[in-house]
Amino acid sequence: MMNDELCVVHPRAAGLDIHKGHITATVRLSEAPAGPPGCETRMFSALASGLAALVA
């Protein structure tokens, strides 16, 4: 049986979607147990300058 609400297992999680020309990074933060998690997504170039920005 599926529930519409997801249980937060890890309060902080990140994921990368890697392509030939760009990388998309998403970070999900759930600081408060009752509040909704915040989510931020950014796209970076796969060139050296974009990789340096991703690391920073």
PDB file of N, CA and C in Angstrom:
ATOM      1  N   MET A   1       0.840  -1.181   0.000  1.00  0.00           N
ATOM      2  CA  MET A   1       0.000   0.000   0.000  1.00  0.00           C
ATOM      3  C   MET A   1       0.880   1.237   0.000  1.00  0.00           C
ATOM      4  N   MET A   2       0.640   2.139  -0.933  1.00  0.00           N
ATOM      5  CA  MET A   2       1.441   3.349  -1.061  1.00  0.00           C
ATOM      6  C   MET A   2       0.850   4.467  -0.215  1.00  0.00           C
ATOM      7  N   ASN A   3       1.745   5.267   0.351  1.00  0.00           N
ATOM      8  CA  ASN A   3       1.362   6.436   1.117  1.00  0.00           C
ATOM      9  C   ASN A   3       1.818   7.663   0.353  1.00  0.00           C
ATOM     10  N   ASP A   4       1.023   8.732   0.353  1.00  0.00           N
ATOM     11  CA  ASP A   4       1.383   9.943  -0.382  1.00  0.00           C
ATOM     12  C   ASP A   4       2.547  10.686   0.258  1.00  0.00           C
ATOM     13  N   GLU A   5       2.815  10.469   1.529  1.00  0.00           N
ATOM     14  CA  GLU A   5       3.897  11.149   2.213  1.00  0.00           C
ATOM     15  C   GLU A   5       5.105  10.220   2.290  1.00  0.00           C
ATOM     16  N   LEU A   6       6.274  10.788   2.033  1.00  0.00           N
ATOM     17  CA  LEU A   6       7.500  10.001   2.106  1.00  0.00           C
ATOM     18  C   LEU A   6       8.142  10.193   3.468  1.00  0.00           C
ATOM     19  N   CYS A   7       8.648   9.152   4.016  1.00  0.00           N
ATOM     20  CA  CYS A   7       9.345   9.199   5.298  1.00  0.00           C
ATOM     21  C   CYS A   7      10.785   9.657   5.042  1.00  0.00           C
ATOM     22  N   VAL A   8      11.273  10.627   5.816  1.00  0.00           N
ATOM     23  CA  VAL A   8      12.638  11.121   5.672  1.00  0.00           C
ATOM     24  C   VAL A   8      13.574  10.142   6.377  1.00  0.00           C
ATOM     25  N   VAL A   9      14.410   9.482   5.602  1.00  0.00           N
ATOM     26  CA  VAL A   9      15.367   8.537   6.159  1.00  0.00           C
ATOM     27  C   VAL A   9      16.669   9.256   6.499  1.00  0.00           C
ATOM     28  N   HIS A  10      17.128  10.106   5.598  1.00  0.00           N
ATOM     29  CA  HIS A  10      18.333  10.901   5.809  1.00  0.00           C
ATOM     30  C   HIS A  10      17.946  12.373   5.708  1.00  0.00           C
ATOM     31  N   PRO A  11      18.263  13.182   6.725  1.00  0.00           N
ATOM     32  CA  PRO A  11      17.866  14.588   6.680  1.00  0.00           C
ATOM     33  C   PRO A  11      18.578  15.398   5.596  1.00  0.00           C
ATOM     34  N   ARG A  12      19.718  14.926   5.133  1.00  0.00           N
ATOM     35  CA  ARG A  12      20.456  15.607   4.067  1.00  0.00           C
ATOM     36  C   ARG A  12      20.816  14.585   2.999  1.00  0.00           C
ATOM     37  N   ALA A  13      20.482  14.905   1.750  1.00  0.00           N
ATOM     38  CA  ALA A  13      20.790  14.001   0.648  1.00  0.00           C
ATOM     39  C   ALA A  13      21.131  14.818  -0.596  1.00  0.00           C
ATOM     40  N   ALA A  14      21.967  14.249  -1.470  1.00  0.00           N
ATOM     41  CA  ALA A  14      22.356  14.922  -2.707  1.00  0.00           C
ATOM     42  C   ALA A  14      22.403  13.902  -3.836  1.00  0.00           C
ATOM     43  N   GLY A  15      22.173  14.401  -5.043  1.00  0.00           N
ATOM     44  CA  GLY A  15      22.243  13.537  -6.213  1.00  0.00           C
ATOM     45  C   GLY A  15      22.817  14.292  -7.396  1.00  0.00           C
ATOM     46  N   LEU A  16      23.502  13.576  -8.276  1.00  0.00           N
ATOM     47  CA  LEU A  16      24.081  14.154  -9.484  1.00  0.00           C
ATOM     48  C   LEU A  16      23.532  13.423 -10.697  1.00  0.00           C
ATOM     49  N   ASP A  17      23.169  14.186 -11.718  1.00  0.00           N
ATOM     50  CA  ASP A  17      22.756  13.634 -13.013  1.00  0.00           C
ATOM     51  C   ASP A  17      23.819  14.090 -14.006  1.00  0.00           C
ATOM     52  N   ILE A  18      24.657  13.170 -14.457  1.00  0.00           N
ATOM     53  CA  ILE A  18      25.839  13.510 -15.247  1.00  0.00           C
ATOM     54  C   ILE A  18      25.582  13.215 -16.721  1.00  0.00           C
ATOM     55  N   HIS A  19      25.815  14.234 -17.550  1.00  0.00           N
ATOM     56  CA  HIS A  19      25.682  14.126 -18.994  1.00  0.00           C
ATOM     57  C   HIS A  19      26.999  14.541 -19.631  1.00  0.00           C
ATOM     58  N   LYS A  20      27.087  14.422 -20.922  1.00  0.00           N
ATOM     59  CA  LYS A  20      28.323  14.767 -21.620  1.00  0.00           C
ATOM     60  C   LYS A  20      28.634  16.263 -21.503  1.00  0.00           C
ATOM     61  N   GLY A  21      27.623  17.119 -21.589  1.00  0.00           N
ATOM     62  CA  GLY A  21      27.859  18.559 -21.612  1.00  0.00           C
ATOM     63  C   GLY A  21      27.549  19.296 -20.325  1.00  0.00           C
ATOM     64  N   HIS A  22      26.798  18.654 -19.415  1.00  0.00           N
ATOM     65  CA  HIS A  22      26.440  19.341 -18.172  1.00  0.00           C
ATOM     66  C   HIS A  22      26.181  18.345 -17.042  1.00  0.00           C
ATOM     67  N   ILE A  23      26.201  18.876 -15.830  1.00  0.00           N
ATOM     68  CA  ILE A  23      25.922  18.093 -14.628  1.00  0.00           C
ATOM     69  C   ILE A  23      24.837  18.820 -13.857  1.00  0.00           C
ATOM     70  N   THR A  24      23.801  18.111 -13.467  1.00  0.00           N
ATOM     71  CA  THR A  24      22.735  18.685 -12.652  1.00  0.00           C
ATOM     72  C   THR A  24      22.882  18.130 -11.233  1.00  0.00           C
ATOM     73  N   ALA A  25      22.958  19.032 -10.256  1.00  0.00           N
ATOM     74  CA  ALA A  25      23.113  18.640  -8.857  1.00  0.00           C
ATOM     75  C   ALA A  25      21.878  19.074  -8.083  1.00  0.00           C
ATOM     76  N   THR A  26      21.350  18.177  -7.258  1.00  0.00           N
ATOM     77  CA  THR A  26      20.199  18.484  -6.409  1.00  0.00           C
ATOM     78  C   THR A  26      20.546  18.130  -4.968  1.00  0.00           C
ATOM     79  N   VAL A  27      20.233  19.057  -4.062  1.00  0.00           N
ATOM     80  CA  VAL A  27      20.447  18.851  -2.626  1.00  0.00           C
ATOM     81  C   VAL A  27      19.094  18.968  -1.947  1.00  0.00           C
ATOM     82  N   ARG A  28      18.801  18.021  -1.066  1.00  0.00           N
ATOM     83  CA  ARG A  28      17.543  18.031  -0.315  1.00  0.00           C
ATOM     84  C   ARG A  28      17.875  18.085   1.169  1.00  0.00           C
ATOM     85  N   LEU A  29      17.333  19.099   1.852  1.00  0.00           N
ATOM     86  CA  LEU A  29      17.593  19.296   3.276  1.00  0.00           C
ATOM     87  C   LEU A  29      16.287  19.257   4.041  1.00  0.00           C
ATOM     88  N   SER A  30      16.267  18.509   5.114  1.00  0.00           N
ATOM     89  CA  SER A  30      15.105  18.438   5.984  1.00  0.00           C
ATOM     90  C   SER A  30      15.583  18.721   7.399  1.00  0.00           C
ATOM     91  N   GLU A  31      15.620  19.992   7.776  1.00  0.00           N
ATOM     92  CA  GLU A  31      16.130  20.384   9.083  1.00  0.00           C
ATOM     93  C   GLU A  31      15.116  20.114  10.189  1.00  0.00           C
ATOM     94  N   ALA A  32      13.873  20.485   9.962  1.00  0.00           N
ATOM     95  CA  ALA A  32      12.836  20.304  10.979  1.00  0.00           C
ATOM     96  C   ALA A  32      12.069  19.020  10.695  1.00  0.00           C
ATOM     97  N   PRO A  33      11.826  18.181  11.715  1.00  0.00           N
ATOM     98  CA  PRO A  33      11.104  16.930  11.471  1.00  0.00           C
ATOM     99  C   PRO A  33       9.682  17.128  10.951  1.00  0.00           C
ATOM    100  N   ALA A  34       9.029  18.208  11.355  1.00  0.00           N
ATOM    101  CA  ALA A  34       7.637  18.412  10.947  1.00  0.00           C
ATOM    102  C   ALA A  34       7.513  19.228   9.665  1.00  0.00           C
ATOM    103  N   GLY A  35       8.534  20.004   9.333  1.00  0.00           N
ATOM    104  CA  GLY A  35       8.443  20.881   8.173  1.00  0.00           C
ATOM    105  C   GLY A  35       8.757  20.159   6.875  1.00  0.00           C
ATOM    106  N   PRO A  36       8.363  20.765   5.760  1.00  0.00           N
ATOM    107  CA  PRO A  36       8.669  20.161   4.463  1.00  0.00           C
ATOM    108  C   PRO A  36      10.153  20.308   4.141  1.00  0.00           C
ATOM    109  N   PRO A  37      10.741  19.354   3.444  1.00  0.00           N
ATOM    110  CA  PRO A  37      12.162  19.460   3.105  1.00  0.00           C
ATOM    111  C   PRO A  37      12.384  20.521   2.034  1.00  0.00           C
ATOM    112  N   GLY A  38      13.524  21.206   2.135  1.00  0.00           N
ATOM    113  CA  GLY A  38      13.911  22.161   1.117  1.00  0.00           C
ATOM    114  C   GLY A  38      14.692  21.447   0.032  1.00  0.00           C
ATOM    115  N   CYS A  39      14.575  21.920  -1.189  1.00  0.00           N
ATOM    116  CA  CYS A  39      15.238  21.271  -2.316  1.00  0.00           C
ATOM    117  C   CYS A  39      15.831  22.349  -3.217  1.00  0.00           C
ATOM    118  N   GLU A  40      17.094  22.176  -3.602  1.00  0.00           N
ATOM    119  CA  GLU A  40      17.750  23.136  -4.486  1.00  0.00           C
ATOM    120  C   GLU A  40      18.430  22.374  -5.612  1.00  0.00           C
ATOM    121  N   THR A  41      18.215  22.818  -6.849  1.00  0.00           N
ATOM    122  CA  THR A  41      18.800  22.192  -8.024  1.00  0.00           C
ATOM    123  C   THR A  41      19.581  23.230  -8.816  1.00  0.00           C
ATOM    124  N   ARG A  42      20.799  22.864  -9.203  1.00  0.00           N
ATOM    125  CA  ARG A  42      21.635  23.744 -10.030  1.00  0.00           C
ATOM    126  C   ARG A  42      22.263  22.929 -11.148  1.00  0.00           C
ATOM    127  N   MET A  43      22.513  23.609 -12.278  1.00  0.00           N
ATOM    128  CA  MET A  43      23.139  22.964 -13.420  1.00  0.00           C
ATOM    129  C   MET A  43      24.530  23.556 -13.619  1.00  0.00           C
ATOM    130  N   PHE A  44      25.517  22.688 -13.901  1.00  0.00           N
ATOM    131  CA  PHE A  44      26.900  23.098 -14.089  1.00  0.00           C
ATOM    132  C   PHE A  44      27.414  22.564 -15.417  1.00  0.00           C
ATOM    133  N   SER A  45      28.357  23.288 -15.987  1.00  0.00           N
ATOM    134  CA  SER A  45      29.006  22.842 -17.206  1.00  0.00           C
ATOM    135  C   SER A  45      29.898  21.644 -16.879  1.00  0.00           C
ATOM    136  N   ALA A  46      30.104  20.764 -17.852  1.00  0.00           N
ATOM    137  CA  ALA A  46      30.987  19.624 -17.656  1.00  0.00           C
ATOM    138  C   ALA A  46      32.447  19.988 -17.939  1.00  0.00           C
ATOM    139  N   LEU A  47      32.705  21.243 -18.295  1.00  0.00           N
ATOM    140  CA  LEU A  47      34.069  21.693 -18.508  1.00  0.00           C
ATOM    141  C   LEU A  47      34.718  21.989 -17.153  1.00  0.00           C
ATOM    142  N   ALA A  48      36.015  22.228 -17.158  1.00  0.00           N
ATOM    143  CA  ALA A  48      36.775  22.429 -15.918  1.00  0.00           C
ATOM    144  C   ALA A  48      36.201  23.560 -15.055  1.00  0.00           C
ATOM    145  N   SER A  49      35.807  24.653 -15.677  1.00  0.00           N
ATOM    146  CA  SER A  49      35.267  25.781 -14.897  1.00  0.00           C
ATOM    147  C   SER A  49      33.955  25.399 -14.191  1.00  0.00           C
ATOM    148  N   GLY A  50      33.119  24.637 -14.858  1.00  0.00           N
ATOM    149  CA  GLY A  50      31.865  24.193 -14.256  1.00  0.00           C
ATOM    150  C   GLY A  50      32.097  23.197 -13.140  1.00  0.00           C
ATOM    151  N   LEU A  51      33.075  22.314 -13.303  1.00  0.00           N
ATOM    152  CA  LEU A  51      33.403  21.354 -12.253  1.00  0.00           C
ATOM    153  C   LEU A  51      33.952  22.051 -11.023  1.00  0.00           C
ATOM    154  N   ALA A  52      34.751  23.113 -11.226  1.00  0.00           N
ATOM    155  CA  ALA A  52      35.279  23.884 -10.101  1.00  0.00           C
ATOM    156  C   ALA A  52      34.132  24.574  -9.357  1.00  0.00           C
ATOM    157  N   ALA A  53      33.149  25.070 -10.090  1.00  0.00           N
ATOM    158  CA  ALA A  53      31.981  25.709  -9.457  1.00  0.00           C
ATOM    159  C   ALA A  53      31.160  24.690  -8.685  1.00  0.00           C
ATOM    160  N   LEU A  54      31.037  23.484  -9.201  1.00  0.00           N
ATOM    161  CA  LEU A  54      30.305  22.420  -8.502  1.00  0.00           C
ATOM    162  C   LEU A  54      31.000  22.075  -7.192  1.00  0.00           C
ATOM    163  N   VAL A  55      32.298  21.973  -7.193  1.00  0.00           N
ATOM    164  CA  VAL A  55      33.055  21.667  -5.986  1.00  0.00           C
ATOM    165  C   VAL A  55      32.909  22.784  -4.967  1.00  0.00           C
ATOM    166  N   ALA A  56      32.948  24.021  -5.430  1.00  0.00           N
ATOM    167  CA  ALA A  56      32.835  25.182  -4.519  1.00  0.00           C
ATOM    168  C   ALA A  56      31.445  25.235  -3.936  1.00  0.00           C
TER     169      ALA A  56
END
